[in-house]
């Protein structure tokens, strides 16, 4: 689970396992595996870093620096 913020300033927690892809357009859109889309206040790189840290916490990804592609 990762904590994010809706554009209106309301925080929420998202199950990172449901993220299909993230795009900046210029707002950050998250598309879920369910087909739902949401807009968040965080940048694409911030969402990516949080999702990677979540996976690292589950020991599914090796620990190391998180750098944007």
N, C-alpha and C. Protein backbone atom coordinates (compact mmCIF):
# COMPACT_ATOMS: atom_id res chain seq x y z
N UNK A 1 0.85 -1.18 0.00
CA UNK A 1 0.00 0.00 0.00
C UNK A 1 0.89 1.24 0.00
N UNK A 2 0.50 2.23 -0.80
CA UNK A 2 1.25 3.48 -0.84
C UNK A 2 0.30 4.64 -0.58
N UNK A 3 0.79 5.63 0.15
CA UNK A 3 -0.02 6.80 0.48
C UNK A 3 0.17 7.85 -0.61
N UNK A 4 -0.95 8.35 -1.15
CA UNK A 4 -0.95 9.36 -2.20
C UNK A 4 -1.94 10.45 -1.84
N UNK A 5 -2.00 11.49 -2.68
CA UNK A 5 -2.88 12.62 -2.42
C UNK A 5 -3.69 12.93 -3.67
N UNK A 6 -5.00 13.05 -3.50
CA UNK A 6 -5.85 13.47 -4.62
C UNK A 6 -5.59 14.95 -4.90
N UNK A 7 -5.94 15.42 -6.08
CA UNK A 7 -5.69 16.81 -6.44
C UNK A 7 -6.35 17.78 -5.47
N UNK A 8 -7.45 17.40 -4.86
CA UNK A 8 -8.13 18.26 -3.90
C UNK A 8 -7.44 18.33 -2.55
N UNK A 9 -6.35 17.56 -2.38
CA UNK A 9 -5.60 17.59 -1.13
C UNK A 9 -5.94 16.49 -0.16
N UNK A 10 -6.84 15.59 -0.52
CA UNK A 10 -7.24 14.51 0.37
C UNK A 10 -6.31 13.31 0.21
N UNK A 11 -5.65 12.89 1.29
CA UNK A 11 -4.78 11.72 1.21
C UNK A 11 -5.59 10.43 1.13
N UNK A 12 -5.02 9.43 0.47
CA UNK A 12 -5.63 8.11 0.41
C UNK A 12 -4.53 7.08 0.26
N UNK A 13 -4.87 5.82 0.46
CA UNK A 13 -3.91 4.73 0.35
C UNK A 13 -4.33 3.85 -0.82
N UNK A 14 -3.36 3.55 -1.69
CA UNK A 14 -3.62 2.76 -2.89
C UNK A 14 -2.87 1.44 -2.80
N UNK A 15 -3.52 0.37 -3.17
CA UNK A 15 -2.86 -0.93 -3.27
C UNK A 15 -1.97 -0.88 -4.51
N UNK A 16 -0.66 -0.79 -4.31
CA UNK A 16 0.29 -0.64 -5.41
C UNK A 16 0.28 -1.84 -6.34
N UNK A 17 -0.22 -2.97 -5.88
CA UNK A 17 -0.31 -4.16 -6.74
C UNK A 17 -1.28 -3.94 -7.91
N UNK A 18 -2.17 -2.97 -7.77
CA UNK A 18 -3.18 -2.73 -8.80
C UNK A 18 -2.74 -1.73 -9.87
N UNK A 19 -1.55 -1.15 -9.72
CA UNK A 19 -1.09 -0.16 -10.70
C UNK A 19 -0.68 -0.86 -11.99
N UNK A 20 -1.33 -0.47 -13.09
CA UNK A 20 -0.96 -1.00 -14.40
C UNK A 20 0.08 -0.09 -15.03
N UNK A 21 -0.18 1.22 -15.04
CA UNK A 21 0.82 2.17 -15.48
C UNK A 21 0.52 3.56 -14.95
N UNK A 22 1.56 4.41 -14.99
CA UNK A 22 1.48 5.78 -14.50
C UNK A 22 1.97 6.68 -15.62
N UNK A 23 1.28 7.80 -15.84
CA UNK A 23 1.72 8.73 -16.88
C UNK A 23 1.56 10.17 -16.40
N UNK A 24 2.43 11.04 -16.91
CA UNK A 24 2.35 12.46 -16.61
C UNK A 24 1.84 13.16 -17.86
N UNK A 25 0.74 13.94 -17.69
CA UNK A 25 0.06 14.42 -18.88
C UNK A 25 -0.54 15.82 -18.76
N UNK A 26 -0.14 16.88 -18.18
CA UNK A 26 0.98 17.02 -17.24
C UNK A 26 0.64 16.55 -15.84
N UNK A 27 -0.66 16.42 -15.49
CA UNK A 27 -1.00 15.83 -14.19
C UNK A 27 -0.61 14.36 -14.20
N UNK A 28 -0.44 13.79 -13.02
CA UNK A 28 -0.06 12.38 -12.91
C UNK A 28 -1.32 11.52 -12.88
N UNK A 29 -1.48 10.68 -13.89
CA UNK A 29 -2.60 9.75 -14.00
C UNK A 29 -2.11 8.35 -13.67
N UNK A 30 -2.88 7.65 -12.83
CA UNK A 30 -2.59 6.26 -12.52
C UNK A 30 -3.73 5.42 -13.09
N UNK A 31 -3.38 4.43 -13.91
CA UNK A 31 -4.36 3.50 -14.43
C UNK A 31 -4.18 2.18 -13.69
N UNK A 32 -5.28 1.65 -13.18
CA UNK A 32 -5.24 0.41 -12.41
C UNK A 32 -5.57 -0.79 -13.29
N UNK A 33 -5.23 -1.96 -12.82
CA UNK A 33 -5.53 -3.18 -13.56
C UNK A 33 -7.03 -3.39 -13.71
N UNK A 34 -7.81 -2.71 -12.88
CA UNK A 34 -9.28 -2.81 -12.94
C UNK A 34 -9.85 -1.92 -14.05
N UNK A 35 -8.98 -1.06 -14.64
CA UNK A 35 -9.44 -0.12 -15.65
C UNK A 35 -9.76 1.25 -15.10
N UNK A 36 -9.82 1.38 -13.78
CA UNK A 36 -10.07 2.68 -13.16
C UNK A 36 -8.85 3.58 -13.36
N UNK A 37 -9.11 4.90 -13.48
CA UNK A 37 -8.04 5.88 -13.59
C UNK A 37 -8.22 6.92 -12.50
N UNK A 38 -7.11 7.43 -12.00
CA UNK A 38 -7.17 8.48 -10.99
C UNK A 38 -6.05 9.47 -11.24
N UNK A 39 -6.26 10.70 -10.77
CA UNK A 39 -5.27 11.76 -10.88
C UNK A 39 -4.77 12.04 -9.47
N UNK A 40 -3.46 12.13 -9.33
CA UNK A 40 -2.87 12.39 -8.01
C UNK A 40 -1.97 13.61 -8.07
N UNK A 41 -1.70 14.18 -6.90
CA UNK A 41 -0.88 15.38 -6.80
C UNK A 41 0.61 15.06 -6.94
N UNK A 42 1.02 13.85 -6.61
CA UNK A 42 2.43 13.47 -6.66
C UNK A 42 2.91 13.38 -8.11
N UNK A 43 4.21 13.55 -8.29
CA UNK A 43 4.80 13.43 -9.62
C UNK A 43 4.90 11.96 -10.01
N UNK A 44 5.10 11.72 -11.30
CA UNK A 44 5.28 10.36 -11.80
C UNK A 44 6.46 9.70 -11.09
N UNK A 45 7.58 10.43 -10.95
CA UNK A 45 8.75 9.87 -10.29
C UNK A 45 8.50 9.53 -8.83
N UNK A 46 7.70 10.34 -8.15
CA UNK A 46 7.37 10.08 -6.75
C UNK A 46 6.51 8.83 -6.63
N UNK A 47 5.52 8.68 -7.49
CA UNK A 47 4.67 7.48 -7.47
C UNK A 47 5.53 6.25 -7.75
N UNK A 48 6.43 6.36 -8.73
CA UNK A 48 7.33 5.25 -9.06
C UNK A 48 8.18 4.87 -7.86
N UNK A 49 8.79 5.86 -7.21
CA UNK A 49 9.64 5.59 -6.05
C UNK A 49 8.86 4.92 -4.93
N UNK A 50 7.66 5.38 -4.67
CA UNK A 50 6.84 4.78 -3.61
C UNK A 50 6.46 3.34 -3.95
N UNK A 51 6.12 3.09 -5.21
CA UNK A 51 5.75 1.73 -5.62
C UNK A 51 6.95 0.80 -5.53
N UNK A 52 8.13 1.28 -5.91
CA UNK A 52 9.34 0.46 -5.82
C UNK A 52 9.68 0.18 -4.36
N UNK A 53 9.60 1.20 -3.51
CA UNK A 53 9.88 0.99 -2.07
C UNK A 53 8.90 -0.02 -1.49
N UNK A 54 7.64 0.03 -1.92
CA UNK A 54 6.64 -0.93 -1.45
C UNK A 54 7.07 -2.35 -1.84
N UNK A 55 7.49 -2.53 -3.09
CA UNK A 55 7.93 -3.85 -3.53
C UNK A 55 9.18 -4.30 -2.78
N UNK A 56 10.10 -3.37 -2.54
CA UNK A 56 11.31 -3.72 -1.79
C UNK A 56 10.96 -4.15 -0.37
N UNK A 57 9.98 -3.49 0.21
CA UNK A 57 9.56 -3.85 1.57
C UNK A 57 8.99 -5.26 1.61
N UNK A 58 8.44 -5.71 0.50
CA UNK A 58 7.91 -7.07 0.41
C UNK A 58 8.97 -8.07 -0.01
N UNK A 59 10.19 -7.60 -0.21
CA UNK A 59 11.31 -8.44 -0.66
C UNK A 59 11.10 -9.00 -2.06
N UNK A 60 10.30 -8.31 -2.87
CA UNK A 60 10.09 -8.75 -4.25
C UNK A 60 11.05 -8.06 -5.21
N UNK A 61 11.68 -7.00 -4.77
CA UNK A 61 12.64 -6.29 -5.61
C UNK A 61 13.91 -6.10 -4.78
N UNK A 62 15.07 -6.18 -5.42
CA UNK A 62 16.31 -6.00 -4.65
C UNK A 62 16.43 -4.59 -4.12
N UNK A 63 17.03 -4.46 -2.93
CA UNK A 63 17.24 -3.15 -2.35
C UNK A 63 18.32 -2.41 -3.13
N UNK A 64 18.21 -1.13 -3.20
CA UNK A 64 19.18 -0.32 -3.91
C UNK A 64 18.56 1.04 -4.19
N UNK A 65 19.31 1.91 -4.83
CA UNK A 65 18.79 3.24 -5.10
C UNK A 65 17.66 3.20 -6.10
N UNK A 66 16.69 4.08 -5.90
CA UNK A 66 15.57 4.20 -6.82
C UNK A 66 15.85 5.39 -7.71
N UNK A 67 16.07 5.13 -8.98
CA UNK A 67 16.34 6.22 -9.92
C UNK A 67 15.35 6.15 -11.06
N UNK A 68 14.82 7.30 -11.48
CA UNK A 68 13.89 7.30 -12.61
C UNK A 68 14.59 6.86 -13.89
N UNK A 69 13.84 6.23 -14.74
CA UNK A 69 14.39 5.75 -16.01
C UNK A 69 14.66 6.89 -16.97
